[in-house]
Amino acid sequence: VSISIFHNPRCSKSRQSLDILEKNGVNTKVILYLQYPPSASELKKILNKLKMSPLDIVRKGESRFKELAISLESISEEELITLMVENPILIERPIIFDENRAVIGRPPENTLNLIDC
């Protein structure tokens, strides 16, 4: 089973989650999502695996979010997905996923939920 991680090397939680995968010998595909953002359809698939809405994974505290002056009351889910694809810094990190499941590595120990022991 191959596991992928939306990784930001500058994020301690992302580094810790990747470390957990590596220590457990998991074949991991590291996706530097800030440089290579997911498409809208990829992000929707991940949201389905997470069983979350776009609102659940948008980083509302991010300075870019504030710069954009987004009104969460009036934005649609589609618009929010587009916004995250265009501004990947707004996507919560790290997201660890396989073919069927996904978790957010906050705390990093959530990563263990994807590893079949």
N, C-alpha and C. Protein backbone atom coordinates (compact mmCIF):
# COMPACT_ATOMS: atom_id res chain seq x y z
N VAL A 1 0.85 -1.19 0.00
CA VAL A 1 0.00 0.00 0.00
C VAL A 1 0.88 1.23 0.00
N SER A 2 0.61 2.12 -0.91
CA SER A 2 1.36 3.37 -0.99
C SER A 2 0.55 4.47 -0.30
N ILE A 3 1.25 5.26 0.48
CA ILE A 3 0.62 6.37 1.18
C ILE A 3 1.24 7.67 0.68
N SER A 4 0.40 8.68 0.49
CA SER A 4 0.87 9.99 0.05
C SER A 4 0.69 10.99 1.18
N ILE A 5 1.53 12.02 1.16
CA ILE A 5 1.42 13.08 2.16
C ILE A 5 1.55 14.43 1.47
N PHE A 6 0.59 15.32 1.74
CA PHE A 6 0.73 16.71 1.34
C PHE A 6 1.66 17.32 2.38
N HIS A 7 2.89 17.58 1.98
CA HIS A 7 3.96 17.92 2.91
C HIS A 7 4.44 19.35 2.73
N ASN A 8 4.63 20.01 3.86
CA ASN A 8 5.28 21.32 3.89
C ASN A 8 6.48 21.16 4.81
N PRO A 9 7.70 21.13 4.26
CA PRO A 9 8.90 20.90 5.08
C PRO A 9 9.09 21.93 6.19
N ARG A 10 8.45 23.09 6.07
CA ARG A 10 8.59 24.13 7.10
C ARG A 10 7.62 23.94 8.27
N CYS A 11 6.74 22.96 8.17
CA CYS A 11 5.73 22.71 9.20
C CYS A 11 6.18 21.55 10.09
N SER A 12 6.26 21.78 11.39
CA SER A 12 6.73 20.73 12.31
C SER A 12 5.79 19.53 12.32
N LYS A 13 4.48 19.74 12.25
CA LYS A 13 3.53 18.62 12.25
C LYS A 13 3.70 17.78 10.99
N SER A 14 3.97 18.44 9.89
CA SER A 14 4.18 17.74 8.62
C SER A 14 5.46 16.90 8.70
N ARG A 15 6.53 17.48 9.23
CA ARG A 15 7.79 16.74 9.38
C ARG A 15 7.62 15.56 10.32
N GLN A 16 6.90 15.76 11.42
CA GLN A 16 6.68 14.67 12.38
C GLN A 16 5.85 13.55 11.76
N SER A 17 4.83 13.90 11.00
CA SER A 17 3.99 12.89 10.34
C SER A 17 4.80 12.08 9.34
N LEU A 18 5.63 12.76 8.55
CA LEU A 18 6.49 12.07 7.59
C LEU A 18 7.47 11.15 8.31
N ASP A 19 7.99 11.60 9.43
CA ASP A 19 8.91 10.80 10.23
C ASP A 19 8.24 9.52 10.72
N ILE A 20 6.99 9.61 11.15
CA ILE A 20 6.24 8.43 11.60
C ILE A 20 6.12 7.43 10.45
N LEU A 21 5.79 7.92 9.26
CA LEU A 21 5.67 7.04 8.09
C LEU A 21 7.00 6.35 7.80
N GLU A 22 8.08 7.13 7.80
CA GLU A 22 9.40 6.58 7.47
C GLU A 22 9.85 5.57 8.52
N LYS A 23 9.62 5.86 9.79
CA LYS A 23 10.04 4.95 10.88
C LYS A 23 9.28 3.63 10.82
N ASN A 24 8.07 3.67 10.24
CA ASN A 24 7.27 2.45 10.11
C ASN A 24 7.48 1.76 8.76
N GLY A 25 8.46 2.23 8.01
CA GLY A 25 8.81 1.59 6.74
C GLY A 25 7.75 1.70 5.67
N VAL A 26 6.95 2.74 5.73
CA VAL A 26 5.86 2.92 4.76
C VAL A 26 6.39 3.55 3.48
N ASN A 27 6.02 2.95 2.34
CA ASN A 27 6.35 3.52 1.03
C ASN A 27 5.53 4.80 0.88
N THR A 28 6.20 5.94 0.96
CA THR A 28 5.50 7.22 1.00
C THR A 28 5.82 8.09 -0.20
N LYS A 29 4.76 8.60 -0.82
CA LYS A 29 4.92 9.58 -1.90
C LYS A 29 4.77 10.96 -1.27
N VAL A 30 5.85 11.73 -1.28
CA VAL A 30 5.83 13.07 -0.69
C VAL A 30 5.41 14.07 -1.77
N ILE A 31 4.33 14.78 -1.50
CA ILE A 31 3.82 15.78 -2.44
C ILE A 31 4.05 17.16 -1.81
N LEU A 32 4.91 17.93 -2.43
CA LEU A 32 5.16 19.29 -1.96
C LEU A 32 4.03 20.16 -2.51
N TYR A 33 2.92 20.13 -1.81
CA TYR A 33 1.67 20.69 -2.34
C TYR A 33 1.70 22.20 -2.53
N LEU A 34 2.63 22.90 -1.87
CA LEU A 34 2.71 24.35 -2.10
C LEU A 34 3.27 24.64 -3.49
N GLN A 35 4.16 23.76 -3.96
CA GLN A 35 4.73 23.90 -5.31
C GLN A 35 3.87 23.21 -6.36
N TYR A 36 3.25 22.10 -5.97
CA TYR A 36 2.45 21.29 -6.89
C TYR A 36 1.06 21.09 -6.28
N PRO A 37 0.23 22.13 -6.30
CA PRO A 37 -1.08 22.03 -5.66
C PRO A 37 -1.99 21.01 -6.34
N PRO A 38 -2.90 20.43 -5.56
CA PRO A 38 -3.85 19.49 -6.15
C PRO A 38 -4.82 20.22 -7.06
N SER A 39 -5.40 19.48 -7.99
CA SER A 39 -6.48 20.04 -8.81
C SER A 39 -7.74 20.06 -7.95
N ALA A 40 -8.76 20.73 -8.43
CA ALA A 40 -10.03 20.76 -7.71
C ALA A 40 -10.58 19.35 -7.53
N SER A 41 -10.49 18.52 -8.57
CA SER A 41 -11.03 17.16 -8.46
C SER A 41 -10.22 16.32 -7.48
N GLU A 42 -8.90 16.50 -7.45
CA GLU A 42 -8.06 15.78 -6.48
C GLU A 42 -8.42 16.20 -5.05
N LEU A 43 -8.60 17.49 -4.86
CA LEU A 43 -8.94 17.99 -3.53
C LEU A 43 -10.31 17.45 -3.08
N LYS A 44 -11.26 17.37 -4.01
CA LYS A 44 -12.58 16.81 -3.69
C LYS A 44 -12.47 15.35 -3.27
N LYS A 45 -11.63 14.58 -3.98
CA LYS A 45 -11.44 13.16 -3.63
C LYS A 45 -10.86 13.04 -2.22
N ILE A 46 -9.91 13.90 -1.90
CA ILE A 46 -9.30 13.86 -0.57
C ILE A 46 -10.32 14.26 0.49
N LEU A 47 -11.13 15.26 0.20
CA LEU A 47 -12.18 15.66 1.14
C LEU A 47 -13.14 14.50 1.40
N ASN A 48 -13.48 13.75 0.35
CA ASN A 48 -14.35 12.58 0.52
C ASN A 48 -13.69 11.54 1.41
N LYS A 49 -12.40 11.32 1.21
CA LYS A 49 -11.67 10.35 2.05
C LYS A 49 -11.60 10.82 3.50
N LEU A 50 -11.46 12.13 3.68
CA LEU A 50 -11.41 12.70 5.03
C LEU A 50 -12.79 12.74 5.68
N LYS A 51 -13.84 12.66 4.84
CA LYS A 51 -15.22 12.85 5.29
C LYS A 51 -15.38 14.24 5.91
N MET A 52 -14.82 15.22 5.20
CA MET A 52 -14.86 16.61 5.67
C MET A 52 -15.32 17.52 4.54
N SER A 53 -15.68 18.74 4.93
CA SER A 53 -16.04 19.75 3.94
C SER A 53 -14.85 20.67 3.72
N PRO A 54 -14.87 21.45 2.65
CA PRO A 54 -13.77 22.40 2.42
C PRO A 54 -13.55 23.34 3.61
N LEU A 55 -14.64 23.71 4.26
CA LEU A 55 -14.55 24.60 5.41
C LEU A 55 -13.72 23.98 6.54
N ASP A 56 -13.77 22.64 6.64
CA ASP A 56 -13.04 21.94 7.70
C ASP A 56 -11.53 21.97 7.50
N ILE A 57 -11.07 22.14 6.26
CA ILE A 57 -9.63 22.05 6.02
C ILE A 57 -9.00 23.37 5.57
N VAL A 58 -9.77 24.44 5.55
CA VAL A 58 -9.18 25.73 5.16
C VAL A 58 -8.51 26.33 6.39
N ARG A 59 -7.31 26.84 6.20
CA ARG A 59 -6.54 27.44 7.29
C ARG A 59 -6.97 28.90 7.47
N LYS A 60 -7.95 29.08 8.35
CA LYS A 60 -8.55 30.41 8.56
C LYS A 60 -7.59 31.38 9.22
N GLY A 61 -6.59 30.89 9.93
CA GLY A 61 -5.64 31.76 10.62
C GLY A 61 -4.48 32.21 9.75
N GLU A 62 -4.40 31.66 8.55
CA GLU A 62 -3.30 31.98 7.63
C GLU A 62 -3.40 33.44 7.18
N SER A 63 -2.27 34.13 7.10
CA SER A 63 -2.28 35.54 6.69
C SER A 63 -2.89 35.71 5.30
N ARG A 64 -2.64 34.76 4.40
CA ARG A 64 -3.21 34.83 3.04
C ARG A 64 -4.74 34.82 3.10
N PHE A 65 -5.29 34.04 4.03
CA PHE A 65 -6.75 33.98 4.19
C PHE A 65 -7.28 35.36 4.56
N LYS A 66 -6.58 36.03 5.47
CA LYS A 66 -7.01 37.36 5.90
C LYS A 66 -6.86 38.38 4.77
N GLU A 67 -5.78 38.25 4.00
CA GLU A 67 -5.55 39.16 2.87
C GLU A 67 -6.69 39.07 1.85
N LEU A 68 -7.19 37.87 1.65
CA LEU A 68 -8.26 37.66 0.67
C LEU A 68 -9.62 38.14 1.17
N ALA A 69 -9.72 38.42 2.46
CA ALA A 69 -10.96 38.92 3.07
C ALA A 69 -12.16 38.07 2.67
N ILE A 70 -12.05 36.78 2.92
CA ILE A 70 -13.09 35.83 2.53
C ILE A 70 -14.23 35.86 3.53
N SER A 71 -15.44 35.91 3.01
CA SER A 71 -16.62 35.81 3.86
C SER A 71 -17.09 34.36 3.82
N LEU A 72 -16.84 33.63 4.91
CA LEU A 72 -17.20 32.21 4.94
C LEU A 72 -18.71 31.99 4.89
N GLU A 73 -19.47 33.00 5.26
CA GLU A 73 -20.92 32.88 5.24
C GLU A 73 -21.46 32.89 3.81
N SER A 74 -20.76 33.57 2.91
CA SER A 74 -21.31 33.74 1.56
C SER A 74 -20.56 32.96 0.48
N ILE A 75 -19.48 32.26 0.83
CA ILE A 75 -18.72 31.52 -0.18
C ILE A 75 -19.26 30.09 -0.31
N SER A 76 -19.34 29.61 -1.54
CA SER A 76 -19.82 28.24 -1.76
C SER A 76 -18.66 27.26 -1.56
N GLU A 77 -18.99 25.98 -1.42
CA GLU A 77 -17.94 24.96 -1.28
C GLU A 77 -17.06 24.92 -2.52
N GLU A 78 -17.68 25.05 -3.69
CA GLU A 78 -16.91 25.05 -4.95
C GLU A 78 -15.92 26.21 -4.98
N GLU A 79 -16.40 27.39 -4.58
CA GLU A 79 -15.52 28.57 -4.56
C GLU A 79 -14.37 28.39 -3.57
N LEU A 80 -14.67 27.78 -2.44
CA LEU A 80 -13.64 27.55 -1.42
C LEU A 80 -12.59 26.56 -1.93
N ILE A 81 -13.03 25.52 -2.63
CA ILE A 81 -12.09 24.56 -3.22
C ILE A 81 -11.20 25.26 -4.24
N THR A 82 -11.80 26.07 -5.11
CA THR A 82 -11.02 26.81 -6.10
C THR A 82 -10.01 27.72 -5.42
N LEU A 83 -10.43 28.38 -4.37
CA LEU A 83 -9.55 29.28 -3.62
C LEU A 83 -8.35 28.51 -3.04
N MET A 84 -8.60 27.31 -2.51
CA MET A 84 -7.51 26.51 -1.93
C MET A 84 -6.57 25.99 -3.01
N VAL A 85 -7.10 25.64 -4.16
CA VAL A 85 -6.26 25.18 -5.27
C VAL A 85 -5.36 26.33 -5.76
N GLU A 86 -5.94 27.52 -5.82
CA GLU A 86 -5.18 28.69 -6.28
C GLU A 86 -4.23 29.23 -5.21
N ASN A 87 -4.53 28.94 -3.94
CA ASN A 87 -3.73 29.40 -2.80
C ASN A 87 -3.50 28.21 -1.87
N PRO A 88 -2.64 27.26 -2.26
CA PRO A 88 -2.50 26.02 -1.49
C PRO A 88 -2.05 26.21 -0.05
N ILE A 89 -1.49 27.37 0.28
CA ILE A 89 -1.11 27.65 1.67
C ILE A 89 -2.35 27.60 2.58
N LEU A 90 -3.54 27.73 1.98
CA LEU A 90 -4.79 27.70 2.75
C LEU A 90 -5.25 26.29 3.08
N ILE A 91 -4.61 25.26 2.52
CA ILE A 91 -5.00 23.88 2.78
C ILE A 91 -4.34 23.41 4.08
N GLU A 92 -5.16 22.89 5.00
CA GLU A 92 -4.62 22.36 6.25
C GLU A 92 -3.59 21.29 5.94
N ARG A 93 -2.58 21.22 6.79
CA ARG A 93 -1.50 20.28 6.56
C ARG A 93 -1.10 19.62 7.86
N PRO A 94 -0.46 18.49 7.76
CA PRO A 94 -0.30 17.65 6.57
C PRO A 94 -1.55 16.79 6.36
N ILE A 95 -1.82 16.45 5.13
CA ILE A 95 -2.88 15.48 4.83
C ILE A 95 -2.19 14.22 4.34
N ILE A 96 -2.50 13.11 4.99
CA ILE A 96 -1.89 11.83 4.66
C ILE A 96 -3.02 10.95 4.12
N PHE A 97 -2.79 10.31 2.96
CA PHE A 97 -3.88 9.55 2.36
C PHE A 97 -3.38 8.36 1.55
N ASP A 98 -4.28 7.36 1.43
CA ASP A 98 -4.02 6.22 0.54
C ASP A 98 -5.18 6.16 -0.44
N GLU A 99 -5.40 5.00 -1.02
CA GLU A 99 -6.47 4.87 -2.03
C GLU A 99 -7.87 5.15 -1.47
N ASN A 100 -8.08 4.80 -0.20
CA ASN A 100 -9.44 4.86 0.35
C ASN A 100 -9.64 5.78 1.54
N ARG A 101 -8.56 6.10 2.23
CA ARG A 101 -8.70 6.83 3.49
C ARG A 101 -7.75 8.02 3.53
N ALA A 102 -8.04 8.94 4.45
CA ALA A 102 -7.17 10.10 4.65
C ALA A 102 -7.30 10.59 6.08
N VAL A 103 -6.22 11.18 6.57
CA VAL A 103 -6.23 11.82 7.89
C VAL A 103 -5.45 13.12 7.80
N ILE A 104 -5.73 14.01 8.73
CA ILE A 104 -4.92 15.21 8.89
C ILE A 104 -3.96 14.92 10.04
N GLY A 105 -2.69 15.17 9.82
CA GLY A 105 -1.67 14.85 10.82
C GLY A 105 -1.59 15.86 11.94
N ARG A 106 -2.70 16.14 12.55
CA ARG A 106 -2.77 17.04 13.71
C ARG A 106 -3.64 16.36 14.75
N PRO A 107 -3.05 15.70 15.71
CA PRO A 107 -1.62 15.54 15.96
C PRO A 107 -1.00 14.55 14.98
N PRO A 108 0.32 14.56 14.87
CA PRO A 108 1.00 13.67 13.93
C PRO A 108 0.66 12.19 14.14
N GLU A 109 0.31 11.82 15.36
CA GLU A 109 -0.04 10.42 15.66
C GLU A 109 -1.25 9.94 14.87
N ASN A 110 -2.06 10.87 14.35
CA ASN A 110 -3.19 10.48 13.49
C ASN A 110 -2.71 9.66 12.30
N THR A 111 -1.46 9.90 11.90
CA THR A 111 -0.86 9.20 10.77
C THR A 111 -0.92 7.69 10.98
N LEU A 112 -0.78 7.26 12.23
CA LEU A 112 -0.78 5.83 12.55
C LEU A 112 -2.10 5.16 12.15
N ASN A 113 -3.19 5.93 12.07
CA ASN A 113 -4.49 5.36 11.68
C ASN A 113 -4.49 4.83 10.26
N LEU A 114 -3.55 5.27 9.43
CA LEU A 114 -3.50 4.80 8.03
C LEU A 114 -2.56 3.63 7.85
N ILE A 115 -1.73 3.38 8.84
CA ILE A 115 -0.75 2.31 8.70
C ILE A 115 -1.38 1.01 9.15
N ASP A 116 -1.43 0.05 8.24
CA ASP A 116 -1.98 -1.26 8.58
C ASP A 116 -0.93 -2.04 9.35
N CYS A 117 -1.16 -2.18 10.63
CA CYS A 117 -0.18 -2.88 11.48
C CYS A 117 -0.43 -4.37 11.47
